[in-house]
Full PDB file with SEQRES, HELIX, SHEET, SSBOND, CRYST1, ORIGX, SCALE, CONECT and MASTER records, all heavy atoms in Angstrom:
SEQRES   1 A   39  LEU GLY CYS ASP ILE SER THR PRO GLU GLY LEU GLY GLU          
SEQRES   2 A   39  ALA ARG GLU ARG ASP LEU PHE LYS MET ARG CYS ARG GLN          
SEQRES   3 A   39  TYR VAL ARG ASP ALA VAL GLU ILE VAL GLU GLU ILE LEU          
HELIX    1 AA1 PRO A    8  GLU A   16  1                                   9    
HELIX    2 AA2 LEU A   19  LEU A   19  1                                   1    
HELIX    3 AA3 PHE A   20  CYS A   24  3                                   5    
HELIX    4 AA4 ARG A   25  ILE A   38  1                                  14    
CRYST1    1.000    1.000    1.000  90.00  90.00  90.00 P 1           1          
ORIGX1      1.000000  0.000000  0.000000        0.00000                         
ORIGX2      0.000000  1.000000  0.000000        0.00000                         
ORIGX3      0.000000  0.000000  1.000000        0.00000                         
SCALE1      1.000000  0.000000  0.000000        0.00000                         
SCALE2      0.000000  1.000000  0.000000        0.00000                         
SCALE3      0.000000  0.000000  1.000000        0.00000                         
ATOM      1  N   LEU A   1      93.802  76.382 233.689  1.00  0.00           N  
ATOM      2  CA  LEU A   1      93.399  76.242 235.088  1.00  0.00           C  
ATOM      3  C   LEU A   1      92.502  74.993 235.373  1.00  0.00           C  
ATOM      4  O   LEU A   1      92.401  74.570 236.515  1.00  0.00           O  
ATOM      5  CB  LEU A   1      92.710  77.493 235.553  1.00  0.00           C  
ATOM      6  CG  LEU A   1      93.560  78.735 235.662  1.00  0.00           C  
ATOM      7  CD1 LEU A   1      92.720  79.936 236.077  1.00  0.00           C  
ATOM      8  CD2 LEU A   1      94.616  78.410 236.736  1.00  0.00           C  
ATOM      9  N   GLY A   2      91.787  74.519 234.316  1.00  0.00           N  
ATOM     10  CA  GLY A   2      90.858  73.562 234.567  1.00  0.00           C  
ATOM     11  C   GLY A   2      89.543  74.051 235.168  1.00  0.00           C  
ATOM     12  O   GLY A   2      88.739  73.267 235.675  1.00  0.00           O  
ATOM     13  N   CYS A   3      89.304  75.323 235.127  1.00  0.00           N  
ATOM     14  CA  CYS A   3      88.094  75.873 235.601  1.00  0.00           C  
ATOM     15  C   CYS A   3      87.873  77.255 234.943  1.00  0.00           C  
ATOM     16  O   CYS A   3      88.942  77.843 234.422  1.00  0.00           O  
ATOM     17  CB  CYS A   3      87.999  75.965 237.071  1.00  0.00           C  
ATOM     18  SG  CYS A   3      89.224  76.997 237.845  1.00  0.00           S  
ATOM     19  N   ASP A   4      86.707  77.785 234.908  1.00  0.00           N  
ATOM     20  CA  ASP A   4      86.431  79.006 234.246  1.00  0.00           C  
ATOM     21  C   ASP A   4      86.361  80.204 235.145  1.00  0.00           C  
ATOM     22  O   ASP A   4      85.207  80.352 235.884  1.00  0.00           O  
ATOM     23  CB  ASP A   4      85.018  78.903 233.456  1.00  0.00           C  
ATOM     24  CG  ASP A   4      84.773  80.018 232.563  1.00  0.00           C  
ATOM     25  OD1 ASP A   4      85.407  81.048 232.728  1.00  0.00           O  
ATOM     26  OD2 ASP A   4      83.751  79.911 231.871  1.00  0.00           O  
ATOM     27  N   ILE A   5      87.413  80.898 235.223  1.00  0.00           N  
ATOM     28  CA  ILE A   5      87.392  82.093 236.332  1.00  0.00           C  
ATOM     29  C   ILE A   5      86.533  83.198 235.838  1.00  0.00           C  
ATOM     30  O   ILE A   5      86.523  84.104 236.692  1.00  0.00           O  
ATOM     31  CB  ILE A   5      88.861  82.429 236.670  1.00  0.00           C  
ATOM     32  CG1 ILE A   5      89.591  83.015 235.399  1.00  0.00           C  
ATOM     33  CG2 ILE A   5      89.514  81.270 237.213  1.00  0.00           C  
ATOM     34  CD1 ILE A   5      90.834  83.694 235.670  1.00  0.00           C  
ATOM     35  N   SER A   6      85.859  83.103 234.732  1.00  0.00           N  
ATOM     36  CA  SER A   6      84.967  84.272 234.383  1.00  0.00           C  
ATOM     37  C   SER A   6      83.686  84.152 235.046  1.00  0.00           C  
ATOM     38  O   SER A   6      82.812  85.067 235.063  1.00  0.00           O  
ATOM     39  CB  SER A   6      84.717  84.161 232.786  1.00  0.00           C  
ATOM     40  OG  SER A   6      83.970  83.137 232.469  1.00  0.00           O  
ATOM     41  N   THR A   7      83.476  83.035 235.828  1.00  0.00           N  
ATOM     42  CA  THR A   7      82.201  82.796 236.610  1.00  0.00           C  
ATOM     43  C   THR A   7      82.569  82.881 238.148  1.00  0.00           C  
ATOM     44  O   THR A   7      83.700  82.485 238.410  1.00  0.00           O  
ATOM     45  CB  THR A   7      81.556  81.460 236.311  1.00  0.00           C  
ATOM     46  OG1 THR A   7      82.445  80.386 236.773  1.00  0.00           O  
ATOM     47  CG2 THR A   7      81.262  81.216 234.766  1.00  0.00           C  
ATOM     48  N   PRO A   8      81.542  83.291 238.871  1.00  0.00           N  
ATOM     49  CA  PRO A   8      81.852  83.418 240.304  1.00  0.00           C  
ATOM     50  C   PRO A   8      82.233  81.986 241.024  1.00  0.00           C  
ATOM     51  O   PRO A   8      83.228  81.854 241.780  1.00  0.00           O  
ATOM     52  CB  PRO A   8      80.547  83.829 240.992  1.00  0.00           C  
ATOM     53  CG  PRO A   8      79.933  84.652 239.795  1.00  0.00           C  
ATOM     54  CD  PRO A   8      80.289  83.986 238.592  1.00  0.00           C  
ATOM     55  N   GLU A   9      81.679  80.945 240.400  1.00  0.00           N  
ATOM     56  CA  GLU A   9      81.831  79.635 240.869  1.00  0.00           C  
ATOM     57  C   GLU A   9      83.320  79.215 240.450  1.00  0.00           C  
ATOM     58  O   GLU A   9      84.047  78.580 241.246  1.00  0.00           O  
ATOM     59  CB  GLU A   9      80.860  78.700 240.287  1.00  0.00           C  
ATOM     60  CG  GLU A   9      79.508  78.963 240.663  1.00  0.00           C  
ATOM     61  CD  GLU A   9      78.716  80.117 239.907  1.00  0.00           C  
ATOM     62  OE1 GLU A   9      79.285  80.419 238.726  1.00  0.00           O  
ATOM     63  OE2 GLU A   9      77.700  80.602 240.341  1.00  0.00           O  
ATOM     64  N   GLY A  10      83.632  79.460 239.159  1.00  0.00           N  
ATOM     65  CA  GLY A  10      85.039  79.043 238.769  1.00  0.00           C  
ATOM     66  C   GLY A  10      86.074  79.854 239.433  1.00  0.00           C  
ATOM     67  O   GLY A  10      87.089  79.252 239.788  1.00  0.00           O  
ATOM     68  N   LEU A  11      85.882  81.116 239.579  1.00  0.00           N  
ATOM     69  CA  LEU A  11      86.838  81.959 240.294  1.00  0.00           C  
ATOM     70  C   LEU A  11      86.943  81.405 241.792  1.00  0.00           C  
ATOM     71  O   LEU A  11      88.163  81.234 242.218  1.00  0.00           O  
ATOM     72  CB  LEU A  11      86.534  83.378 240.348  1.00  0.00           C  
ATOM     73  CG  LEU A  11      87.413  84.440 241.020  1.00  0.00           C  
ATOM     74  CD1 LEU A  11      88.830  84.294 240.414  1.00  0.00           C  
ATOM     75  CD2 LEU A  11      86.865  85.852 241.050  1.00  0.00           C  
ATOM     76  N   GLY A  12      85.910  81.143 242.409  1.00  0.00           N  
ATOM     77  CA  GLY A  12      85.955  80.553 243.761  1.00  0.00           C  
ATOM     78  C   GLY A  12      86.641  79.202 243.814  1.00  0.00           C  
ATOM     79  O   GLY A  12      87.461  79.019 244.719  1.00  0.00           O  
ATOM     80  N   GLU A  13      86.507  78.419 242.849  1.00  0.00           N  
ATOM     81  CA  GLU A  13      87.058  77.120 242.759  1.00  0.00           C  
ATOM     82  C   GLU A  13      88.577  77.285 242.501  1.00  0.00           C  
ATOM     83  O   GLU A  13      89.379  76.589 243.264  1.00  0.00           O  
ATOM     84  CB  GLU A  13      86.600  76.216 241.599  1.00  0.00           C  
ATOM     85  CG  GLU A  13      87.305  74.887 241.337  1.00  0.00           C  
ATOM     86  CD  GLU A  13      86.832  74.135 240.108  1.00  0.00           C  
ATOM     87  OE1 GLU A  13      85.805  74.459 239.562  1.00  0.00           O  
ATOM     88  OE2 GLU A  13      87.514  73.173 239.753  1.00  0.00           O  
ATOM     89  N   ALA A  14      89.100  78.257 241.756  1.00  0.00           N  
ATOM     90  CA  ALA A  14      90.504  78.506 241.472  1.00  0.00           C  
ATOM     91  C   ALA A  14      91.109  78.873 242.711  1.00  0.00           C  
ATOM     92  O   ALA A  14      92.246  78.594 243.154  1.00  0.00           O  
ATOM     93  CB  ALA A  14      90.629  79.547 240.354  1.00  0.00           C  
ATOM     94  N   ARG A  15      90.493  79.744 243.497  1.00  0.00           N  
ATOM     95  CA  ARG A  15      91.021  80.304 244.729  1.00  0.00           C  
ATOM     96  C   ARG A  15      90.983  79.172 245.793  1.00  0.00           C  
ATOM     97  O   ARG A  15      91.999  79.006 246.537  1.00  0.00           O  
ATOM     98  CB  ARG A  15      90.211  81.413 245.273  1.00  0.00           C  
ATOM     99  CG  ARG A  15      90.369  82.713 244.423  1.00  0.00           C  
ATOM    100  CD  ARG A  15      89.517  83.826 244.791  1.00  0.00           C  
ATOM    101  NE  ARG A  15      89.876  85.142 244.056  1.00  0.00           N  
ATOM    102  CZ  ARG A  15      89.039  86.111 243.968  1.00  0.00           C  
ATOM    103  NH1 ARG A  15      87.852  86.130 244.463  1.00  0.00           N  
ATOM    104  NH2 ARG A  15      89.470  87.186 243.292  1.00  0.00           N  
ATOM    105  N   GLU A  16      89.969  78.428 245.923  1.00  0.00           N  
ATOM    106  CA  GLU A  16      89.932  77.270 246.850  1.00  0.00           C  
ATOM    107  C   GLU A  16      91.009  76.319 246.643  1.00  0.00           C  
ATOM    108  O   GLU A  16      91.600  75.806 247.497  1.00  0.00           O  
ATOM    109  CB  GLU A  16      88.530  76.685 246.848  1.00  0.00           C  
ATOM    110  CG  GLU A  16      88.291  75.522 247.766  1.00  0.00           C  
ATOM    111  CD  GLU A  16      86.911  74.995 247.778  1.00  0.00           C  
ATOM    112  OE1 GLU A  16      85.940  75.787 247.791  1.00  0.00           O  
ATOM    113  OE2 GLU A  16      86.844  73.756 247.579  1.00  0.00           O  
ATOM    114  N   ARG A  17      91.231  76.022 245.312  1.00  0.00           N  
ATOM    115  CA  ARG A  17      92.189  75.080 245.020  1.00  0.00           C  
ATOM    116  C   ARG A  17      93.577  75.578 244.886  1.00  0.00           C  
ATOM    117  O   ARG A  17      94.655  74.930 244.588  1.00  0.00           O  
ATOM    118  CB  ARG A  17      91.862  74.351 243.730  1.00  0.00           C  
ATOM    119  CG  ARG A  17      90.539  73.530 243.865  1.00  0.00           C  
ATOM    120  CD  ARG A  17      90.105  72.767 242.577  1.00  0.00           C  
ATOM    121  NE  ARG A  17      91.183  72.128 241.720  1.00  0.00           N  
ATOM    122  CZ  ARG A  17      91.218  71.992 240.522  1.00  0.00           C  
ATOM    123  NH1 ARG A  17      90.195  72.482 239.781  1.00  0.00           N  
ATOM    124  NH2 ARG A  17      92.173  71.396 239.868  1.00  0.00           N  
ATOM    125  N   ASP A  18      93.711  76.883 245.103  1.00  0.00           N  
ATOM    126  CA  ASP A  18      95.017  77.669 245.006  1.00  0.00           C  
ATOM    127  C   ASP A  18      95.754  77.497 243.730  1.00  0.00           C  
ATOM    128  O   ASP A  18      96.921  77.484 243.612  1.00  0.00           O  
ATOM    129  CB  ASP A  18      95.966  77.257 246.124  1.00  0.00           C  
ATOM    130  CG  ASP A  18      96.912  78.277 246.648  1.00  0.00           C  
ATOM    131  OD1 ASP A  18      96.707  79.407 246.354  1.00  0.00           O  
ATOM    132  OD2 ASP A  18      97.911  77.931 247.359  1.00  0.00           O  
ATOM    133  N   LEU A  19      94.878  77.578 242.688  1.00  0.00           N  
ATOM    134  CA  LEU A  19      95.460  77.228 241.307  1.00  0.00           C  
ATOM    135  C   LEU A  19      96.304  78.573 240.900  1.00  0.00           C  
ATOM    136  O   LEU A  19      97.293  78.247 240.057  1.00  0.00           O  
ATOM    137  CB  LEU A  19      94.310  77.203 240.279  1.00  0.00           C  
ATOM    138  CG  LEU A  19      93.465  75.863 240.464  1.00  0.00           C  
ATOM    139  CD1 LEU A  19      92.287  75.845 239.471  1.00  0.00           C  
ATOM    140  CD2 LEU A  19      94.300  74.657 240.367  1.00  0.00           C  
ATOM    141  N   PHE A  20      96.019  79.713 241.233  1.00  0.00           N  
ATOM    142  CA  PHE A  20      96.809  80.723 240.788  1.00  0.00           C  
ATOM    143  C   PHE A  20      98.275  80.651 241.352  1.00  0.00           C  
ATOM    144  O   PHE A  20      99.290  80.794 240.534  1.00  0.00           O  
ATOM    145  CB  PHE A  20      96.332  82.140 241.278  1.00  0.00           C  
ATOM    146  CG  PHE A  20      94.932  82.353 240.836  1.00  0.00           C  
ATOM    147  CD1 PHE A  20      93.807  82.455 241.697  1.00  0.00           C  
ATOM    148  CD2 PHE A  20      94.664  82.557 239.416  1.00  0.00           C  
ATOM    149  CE1 PHE A  20      92.513  82.760 241.195  1.00  0.00           C  
ATOM    150  CE2 PHE A  20      93.396  82.681 238.947  1.00  0.00           C  
ATOM    151  CZ  PHE A  20      92.382  82.854 239.817  1.00  0.00           C  
ATOM    152  N   LYS A  21      98.431  80.121 242.537  1.00  0.00           N  
ATOM    153  CA  LYS A  21      99.819  79.802 243.006  1.00  0.00           C  
ATOM    154  C   LYS A  21     100.417  78.534 242.476  1.00  0.00           C  
ATOM    155  O   LYS A  21     101.502  78.458 241.997  1.00  0.00           O  
ATOM    156  CB  LYS A  21      99.790  79.799 244.580  1.00  0.00           C  
ATOM    157  CG  LYS A  21     101.204  79.581 245.282  1.00  0.00           C  
ATOM    158  CD  LYS A  21     101.057  79.463 246.728  1.00  0.00           C  
ATOM    159  CE  LYS A  21     102.486  79.294 247.287  1.00  0.00           C  
ATOM    160  NZ  LYS A  21     102.516  79.192 248.756  1.00  0.00           N  
ATOM    161  N   MET A  22      99.509  77.545 242.446  1.00  0.00           N  
ATOM    162  CA  MET A  22      99.965  76.192 242.080  1.00  0.00           C  
ATOM    163  C   MET A  22     100.321  76.108 240.506  1.00  0.00           C  
ATOM    164  O   MET A  22     101.173  75.312 240.142  1.00  0.00           O  
ATOM    165  CB  MET A  22      98.944  75.160 242.399  1.00  0.00           C  
ATOM    166  CG  MET A  22      98.675  75.051 243.923  1.00  0.00           C  
ATOM    167  SD  MET A  22     100.065  74.831 244.915  1.00  0.00           S  
ATOM    168  CE  MET A  22     100.626  73.188 244.486  1.00  0.00           C  
ATOM    169  N   ARG A  23      99.628  76.798 239.638  1.00  0.00           N  
ATOM    170  CA  ARG A  23      99.804  76.789 238.300  1.00  0.00           C  
ATOM    171  C   ARG A  23     100.324  78.079 237.626  1.00  0.00           C  
ATOM    172  O   ARG A  23     101.267  78.025 236.913  1.00  0.00           O  
ATOM    173  CB  ARG A  23      98.480  76.302 237.598  1.00  0.00           C  
ATOM    174  CG  ARG A  23      98.081  74.840 238.004  1.00  0.00           C  
ATOM    175  CD  ARG A  23      96.920  74.475 237.104  1.00  0.00           C  
ATOM    176  NE  ARG A  23      96.389  73.202 237.591  1.00  0.00           N  
ATOM    177  CZ  ARG A  23      95.395  72.568 237.092  1.00  0.00           C  
ATOM    178  NH1 ARG A  23      94.640  73.084 236.154  1.00  0.00           N  
ATOM    179  NH2 ARG A  23      95.067  71.384 237.690  1.00  0.00           N  
ATOM    180  N   CYS A  24      99.703  79.170 237.991  1.00  0.00           N  
ATOM    181  CA  CYS A  24      99.968  80.344 237.308  1.00  0.00           C  
ATOM    182  C   CYS A  24     101.385  80.804 237.525  1.00  0.00           C  
ATOM    183  O   CYS A  24     101.964  81.485 236.613  1.00  0.00           O  
ATOM    184  CB  CYS A  24      98.934  81.544 237.643  1.00  0.00           C  
ATOM    185  SG  CYS A  24      97.297  80.989 237.128  1.00  0.00           S  
ATOM    186  N   ARG A  25     101.953  80.598 238.724  1.00  0.00           N  
ATOM    187  CA  ARG A  25     103.294  81.080 238.921  1.00  0.00           C  
ATOM    188  C   ARG A  25     104.301  80.490 237.907  1.00  0.00           C  
ATOM    189  O   ARG A  25     105.228  81.107 237.389  1.00  0.00           O  
ATOM    190  CB  ARG A  25     103.781  80.641 240.305  1.00  0.00           C  
ATOM    191  CG  ARG A  25     103.078  81.416 241.450  1.00  0.00           C  
ATOM    192  CD  ARG A  25     103.446  80.895 242.800  1.00  0.00           C  
ATOM    193  NE  ARG A  25     104.647  81.679 243.196  1.00  0.00           N  
ATOM    194  CZ  ARG A  25     105.817  81.253 243.534  1.00  0.00           C  
ATOM    195  NH1 ARG A  25     106.125  79.961 243.221  1.00  0.00           N  
ATOM    196  NH2 ARG A  25     106.897  81.961 243.930  1.00  0.00           N  
ATOM    197  N   GLN A  26     103.982  79.150 237.551  1.00  0.00           N  
ATOM    198  CA  GLN A  26     104.876  78.508 236.595  1.00  0.00           C  
ATOM    199  C   GLN A  26     104.571  79.141 235.186  1.00  0.00           C  
ATOM    200  O   GLN A  26     105.576  79.155 234.454  1.00  0.00           O  
ATOM    201  CB  GLN A  26     104.707  76.985 236.519  1.00  0.00           C  
ATOM    202  CG  GLN A  26     105.596  76.220 235.801  1.00  0.00           C  
ATOM    203  CD  GLN A  26     107.173  76.392 236.232  1.00  0.00           C  
ATOM    204  OE1 GLN A  26     107.394  76.213 237.488  1.00  0.00           O  
ATOM    205  NE2 GLN A  26     108.022  76.786 235.332  1.00  0.00           N  
ATOM    206  N   TYR A  27     103.424  79.336 234.958  1.00  0.00           N  
ATOM    207  CA  TYR A  27     103.098  79.881 233.527  1.00  0.00           C  
ATOM    208  C   TYR A  27     103.826  81.298 233.426  1.00  0.00           C  
ATOM    209  O   TYR A  27     104.298  81.571 232.340  1.00  0.00           O  
ATOM    210  CB  TYR A  27     101.616  80.084 233.381  1.00  0.00           C  
ATOM    211  CG  TYR A  27     100.762  78.837 233.495  1.00  0.00           C  
ATOM    212  CD1 TYR A  27      99.560  78.823 233.943  1.00  0.00           C  
ATOM    213  CD2 TYR A  27     101.300  77.636 233.106  1.00  0.00           C  
ATOM    214  CE1 TYR A  27      98.705  77.651 234.118  1.00  0.00           C  
ATOM    215  CE2 TYR A  27     100.602  76.470 233.176  1.00  0.00           C  
ATOM    216  CZ  TYR A  27      99.265  76.486 233.653  1.00  0.00           C  
ATOM    217  OH  TYR A  27      98.526  75.277 233.888  1.00  0.00           O  
ATOM    218  N   VAL A  28     103.843  82.096 234.408  1.00  0.00           N  
ATOM    219  CA  VAL A  28     104.489  83.380 234.463  1.00  0.00           C  
ATOM    220  C   VAL A  28     105.938  83.256 234.163  1.00  0.00           C  
ATOM    221  O   VAL A  28     106.505  83.804 233.328  1.00  0.00           O  
ATOM    222  CB  VAL A  28     104.274  84.117 235.832  1.00  0.00           C  
ATOM    223  CG1 VAL A  28     105.288  85.326 235.895  1.00  0.00           C  
ATOM    224  CG2 VAL A  28     102.807  84.615 235.950  1.00  0.00           C  
ATOM    225  N   ARG A  29     106.555  82.301 235.010  1.00  0.00           N  
ATOM    226  CA  ARG A  29     108.078  82.019 234.814  1.00  0.00           C  
ATOM    227  C   ARG A  29     108.287  81.527 233.397  1.00  0.00           C  
ATOM    228  O   ARG A  29     109.187  82.000 232.733  1.00  0.00           O  
ATOM    229  CB  ARG A  29     108.525  80.985 235.836  1.00  0.00           C  
ATOM    230  CG  ARG A  29     109.977  80.666 235.713  1.00  0.00           C  
ATOM    231  CD  ARG A  29     110.386  79.681 236.701  1.00  0.00           C  
ATOM    232  NE  ARG A  29     110.377  80.243 238.061  1.00  0.00           N  
ATOM    233  CZ  ARG A  29     111.236  81.311 238.434  1.00  0.00           C  
ATOM    234  NH1 ARG A  29     112.233  81.632 237.683  1.00  0.00           N  
ATOM    235  NH2 ARG A  29     111.128  81.824 239.679  1.00  0.00           N  
ATOM    236  N   ASP A  30     107.507  80.570 232.922  1.00  0.00           N  
ATOM    237  CA  ASP A  30     107.802  80.059 231.567  1.00  0.00           C  
ATOM    238  C   ASP A  30     107.697  81.101 230.459  1.00  0.00           C  
ATOM    239  O   ASP A  30     108.413  81.187 229.491  1.00  0.00           O  
ATOM    240  CB  ASP A  30     106.920  78.774 231.379  1.00  0.00           C  
ATOM    241  CG  ASP A  30     107.374  77.515 231.996  1.00  0.00           C  
ATOM    242  OD1 ASP A  30     108.482  77.553 232.657  1.00  0.00           O  
ATOM    243  OD2 ASP A  30     106.669  76.598 232.055  1.00  0.00           O  
ATOM    244  N   ALA A  31     106.659  81.915 230.735  1.00  0.00           N  
ATOM    245  CA  ALA A  31     106.404  82.988 229.576  1.00  0.00           C  
ATOM    246  C   ALA A  31     107.540  83.810 229.388  1.00  0.00           C  
ATOM    247  O   ALA A  31     108.097  84.104 228.352  1.00  0.00           O  
ATOM    248  CB  ALA A  31     105.135  83.750 229.862  1.00  0.00           C  
ATOM    249  N   VAL A  32     108.161  84.302 230.571  1.00  0.00           N  
ATOM    250  CA  VAL A  32     109.251  85.307 230.424  1.00  0.00           C  
ATOM    251  C   VAL A  32     110.490  84.513 229.992  1.00  0.00           C  
ATOM    252  O   VAL A  32     111.162  85.029 229.092  1.00  0.00           O  
ATOM    253  CB  VAL A  32     109.545  85.831 231.897  1.00  0.00           C  
ATOM    254  CG1 VAL A  32     110.865  86.584 231.947  1.00  0.00           C  
ATOM    255  CG2 VAL A  32     108.425  86.660 232.314  1.00  0.00           C  
ATOM    256  N   GLU A  33     110.630  83.287 230.344  1.00  0.00           N  
ATOM    257  CA  GLU A  33     111.766  82.505 229.902  1.00  0.00           C  
ATOM    258  C   GLU A  33     111.760  82.249 228.451  1.00  0.00           C  
ATOM    259  O   GLU A  33     112.732  82.323 227.661  1.00  0.00           O  
ATOM    260  CB  GLU A  33     111.975  81.179 230.626  1.00  0.00           C  
ATOM    261  CG  GLU A  33     112.449  81.401 232.086  1.00  0.00           C  
ATOM    262  CD  GLU A  33     112.498  80.083 232.843  1.00  0.00           C  
ATOM    263  OE1 GLU A  33     112.068  79.111 232.500  1.00  0.00           O  
ATOM    264  OE2 GLU A  33     112.954  80.245 234.070  1.00  0.00           O  
ATOM    265  N   ILE A  34     110.528  81.852 227.973  1.00  0.00           N  
ATOM    266  CA  ILE A  34     110.363  81.710 226.480  1.00  0.00           C  
ATOM    267  C   ILE A  34     110.586  82.947 225.776  1.00  0.00           C  
ATOM    268  O   ILE A  34     111.317  82.957 224.702  1.00  0.00           O  
ATOM    269  CB  ILE A  34     108.993  81.145 226.237  1.00  0.00           C  
ATOM    270  CG1 ILE A  34     108.839  79.725 226.688  1.00  0.00           C  
ATOM    271  CG2 ILE A  34     108.787  81.007 224.641  1.00  0.00           C  
ATOM    272  CD1 ILE A  34     107.367  79.285 226.817  1.00  0.00           C  
ATOM    273  N   VAL A  35     110.065  84.057 226.162  1.00  0.00           N  
ATOM    274  CA  VAL A  35     110.316  85.390 225.427  1.00  0.00           C  
ATOM    275  C   VAL A  35     111.887  85.684 225.461  1.00  0.00           C  
ATOM    276  O   VAL A  35     112.409  86.018 224.409  1.00  0.00           O  
ATOM    277  CB  VAL A  35     109.537  86.594 226.140  1.00  0.00           C  
ATOM    278  CG1 VAL A  35     109.991  87.846 225.656  1.00  0.00           C  
ATOM    279  CG2 VAL A  35     108.109  86.383 225.863  1.00  0.00           C  
ATOM    280  N   GLU A  36     112.499  85.503 226.535  1.00  0.00           N  
ATOM    281  CA  GLU A  36     113.919  85.879 226.598  1.00  0.00           C  
ATOM    282  C   GLU A  36     114.755  84.921 225.646  1.00  0.00           C  
ATOM    283  O   GLU A  36     115.563  85.433 224.952  1.00  0.00           O  
ATOM    284  CB  GLU A  36     114.469  85.719 227.981  1.00  0.00           C  
ATOM    285  CG  GLU A  36     113.985  86.803 228.973  1.00  0.00           C  
ATOM    286  CD  GLU A  36     114.626  86.664 230.342  1.00  0.00           C  
ATOM    287  OE1 GLU A  36     114.651  85.578 230.947  1.00  0.00           O  
ATOM    288  OE2 GLU A  36     115.179  87.684 230.813  1.00  0.00           O  
ATOM    289  N   GLU A  37     114.404  83.660 225.597  1.00  0.00           N  
ATOM    290  CA  GLU A  37     115.087  82.720 224.715  1.00  0.00           C  
ATOM    291  C   GLU A  37     114.870  83.071 223.321  1.00  0.00           C  
ATOM    292  O   GLU A  37     115.759  83.176 222.520  1.00  0.00           O  
ATOM    293  CB  GLU A  37     114.474  81.379 225.007  1.00  0.00           C  
ATOM    294  CG  GLU A  37     115.091  80.201 224.130  1.00  0.00           C  
ATOM    295  CD  GLU A  37     114.545  78.945 224.436  1.00  0.00           C  
ATOM    296  OE1 GLU A  37     114.417  78.514 225.548  1.00  0.00           O  
ATOM    297  OE2 GLU A  37     114.082  78.270 223.419  1.00  0.00           O  
ATOM    298  N   ILE A  38     113.605  83.427 222.911  1.00  0.00           N  
ATOM    299  CA  ILE A  38     113.348  83.797 221.504  1.00  0.00           C  
ATOM    300  C   ILE A  38     113.943  84.998 221.021  1.00  0.00           C  
ATOM    301  O   ILE A  38     114.556  85.111 220.067  1.00  0.00           O  
ATOM    302  CB  ILE A  38     111.799  83.717 221.229  1.00  0.00           C  
ATOM    303  CG1 ILE A  38     111.087  82.427 221.423  1.00  0.00           C  
ATOM    304  CG2 ILE A  38     111.485  84.492 219.975  1.00  0.00           C  
ATOM    305  CD1 ILE A  38     109.634  82.366 221.378  1.00  0.00           C  
ATOM    306  N   LEU A  39     113.857  86.075 222.035  1.00  0.00           N  
ATOM    307  CA  LEU A  39     114.407  87.386 221.565  1.00  0.00           C  
ATOM    308  C   LEU A  39     115.906  87.350 221.576  1.00  0.00           C  
ATOM    309  O   LEU A  39     116.471  88.235 220.861  1.00  0.00           O  
ATOM    310  CB  LEU A  39     113.789  88.444 222.476  1.00  0.00           C  
ATOM    311  CG  LEU A  39     112.367  88.678 222.217  1.00  0.00           C  
ATOM    312  CD1 LEU A  39     111.875  89.842 223.281  1.00  0.00           C  
ATOM    313  CD2 LEU A  39     111.903  89.052 220.816  1.00  0.00           C  
TER     314      LEU A  39                                                      
MASTER        0    0    0    4    0    0    0    6  313    1    0    3          
END                                                                             
């Protein structure tokens, strides 16, 4: 994420920069695709 969401400031930054949508959605997709490919 490039920030520490374990802190209120970092969590606020992640939300403000919309990192969960901008980055995490792709991490979710890739994780499932990698698992499916390997298995």
